[in-house]
Protein backbone atom coordinates (compact mmCIF):
# COMPACT_ATOMS: atom_id res chain seq x y z
CA MET A 1 0.90 -124.63 71.72
CA SER A 2 4.41 -124.40 70.43
CA GLU A 3 4.42 -124.31 66.62
CA ASN A 4 7.20 -126.82 66.02
CA CYS A 5 6.54 -129.13 68.97
CA LEU A 6 5.85 -132.73 67.98
CA PHE A 7 3.80 -133.41 71.11
CA CYS A 8 1.70 -130.26 70.64
CA LYS A 9 0.92 -131.45 67.11
CA ILE A 10 -0.09 -134.89 68.44
CA ILE A 11 -2.25 -133.32 71.19
CA HIS A 12 -3.99 -131.11 68.61
CA LYS A 13 -4.44 -134.14 66.31
CA GLU A 14 -2.33 -132.65 63.54
CA ILE A 15 -0.29 -135.87 63.70
CA PRO A 16 -2.29 -139.07 64.15
CA SER A 17 -1.82 -141.06 67.34
CA GLU A 18 -4.00 -143.43 69.33
CA PHE A 19 -4.77 -141.93 72.72
CA LEU A 20 -5.09 -144.55 75.45
CA HIS A 21 -6.30 -141.81 77.80
CA GLU A 22 -7.41 -138.26 77.18
CA ASP A 23 -8.73 -135.62 79.55
CA ASP A 24 -8.62 -131.84 79.86
CA ILE A 25 -5.10 -131.91 81.39
CA CYS A 26 -3.20 -134.65 79.54
CA VAL A 27 -3.13 -137.39 76.93
CA VAL A 28 -1.47 -140.82 77.00
CA PHE A 29 -0.09 -142.67 73.99
CA ARG A 30 2.47 -145.36 73.25
CA ASP A 31 6.12 -144.44 72.71
CA ILE A 32 7.06 -145.07 69.07
CA ASN A 33 10.46 -146.42 70.18
CA PRO A 34 9.50 -148.55 73.20
CA GLU A 35 12.17 -149.65 75.65
CA ALA A 36 9.89 -152.23 77.28
CA PRO A 37 6.72 -154.20 76.53
CA VAL A 38 4.76 -151.31 78.07
CA HIS A 39 6.13 -147.87 77.29
CA LEU A 40 3.59 -145.07 77.47
CA LEU A 41 3.99 -141.31 77.43
CA VAL A 42 1.83 -139.19 79.72
CA VAL A 43 1.89 -135.73 78.17
CA PRO A 44 0.29 -132.54 79.51
CA ARG A 45 -1.75 -130.48 77.07
CA LYS A 46 0.00 -127.34 78.32
CA HIS A 47 3.31 -126.85 76.56
CA VAL A 48 6.10 -126.68 79.11
CA ARG A 49 9.51 -127.09 77.51
CA SER A 50 11.32 -128.97 80.29
CA MET A 51 10.99 -129.83 83.97
CA ASN A 52 13.41 -126.91 84.46
CA ASP A 53 10.61 -124.64 83.21
CA ILE A 54 7.91 -125.87 85.63
CA GLN A 55 6.34 -123.10 87.70
CA LYS A 56 4.44 -123.27 91.00
CA GLU A 57 1.15 -122.93 89.12
CA ASP A 58 1.97 -126.17 87.25
CA ARG A 59 2.01 -128.36 90.38
CA ASP A 60 -1.56 -129.63 89.75
CA ILE A 61 -0.56 -130.69 86.24
CA ILE A 62 2.44 -132.65 87.52
CA SER A 63 0.46 -134.42 90.24
CA HIS A 64 -2.24 -135.24 87.67
CA LEU A 65 0.37 -136.86 85.40
CA PHE A 66 1.37 -139.19 88.24
CA LEU A 67 -2.24 -140.11 89.05
CA VAL A 68 -2.96 -140.85 85.39
CA ALA A 69 0.24 -142.93 85.17
CA LYS A 70 -0.90 -144.96 88.19
CA HIS A 71 -4.26 -145.58 86.50
CA MET A 72 -2.59 -146.51 83.20
CA ALA A 73 -0.20 -148.93 84.95
CA LYS A 74 -3.22 -150.78 86.33
CA GLU A 75 -4.98 -150.68 82.96
CA GLN A 76 -1.88 -152.08 81.25
CA GLY A 77 -1.51 -154.82 83.88
CA VAL A 78 1.86 -153.74 85.27
CA ASN A 79 0.75 -152.19 88.55
CA GLU A 80 1.53 -155.29 90.60
CA SER A 81 4.58 -156.56 88.72
CA GLY A 82 6.17 -153.12 88.80
CA TYR A 83 7.00 -150.23 86.50
CA LYS A 84 9.16 -147.12 86.20
CA LEU A 85 8.07 -143.50 85.99
CA LEU A 86 10.66 -141.25 84.42
CA PHE A 87 11.14 -137.63 83.36
CA ASN A 88 14.16 -136.96 81.14
CA VAL A 89 15.35 -133.41 81.74
CA GLU A 90 17.30 -131.48 79.10
CA LYS A 91 19.57 -132.98 76.46
CA GLY A 92 22.13 -134.27 78.95
CA GLY A 93 19.35 -136.10 80.80
CA GLY A 94 18.08 -137.78 77.64
CA GLN A 95 15.24 -135.40 76.77
CA MET A 96 14.65 -135.54 73.02
CA ILE A 97 11.25 -133.84 72.69
CA PHE A 98 11.16 -130.49 74.47
CA HIS A 99 7.63 -130.73 75.89
CA ILE A 100 7.57 -132.34 79.35
CA HIS A 101 6.31 -135.91 79.40
CA LEU A 102 6.29 -138.73 81.90
CA HIS A 103 7.42 -142.16 80.72
CA LEU A 104 5.59 -145.18 82.13
CA ILE A 105 7.82 -148.20 81.46
CA GLY A 106 7.25 -151.80 82.51
CA GLY A 107 6.04 -155.24 81.55
CA TRP A 108 9.34 -157.08 81.68
CA LYS A 109 9.18 -160.78 82.49
CA LYS A 110 10.54 -161.78 85.89
């Protein structure tokens, strides 16, 4: 856990948040500033600052995030209509919280 990391504090329940999914590898909760009707964050429990900091030993975590996102898309009813999966990397790539997280974004009307 990184002391000043917002997502670490949420994961450790120091900051309240409703988890839509929780397992030993990640948690899922709604983005507080949604860009779409469905905007979830899939966040690993392990603190990794950025995708630039991913190591080979983290590959199972990353694949797990995608599998959980697929499950959550179905649960949220956007799996057939379509959705985006997005990692923002570093400040120039739009990363605002420096703890990797996968955005699941969808639910727009056709």
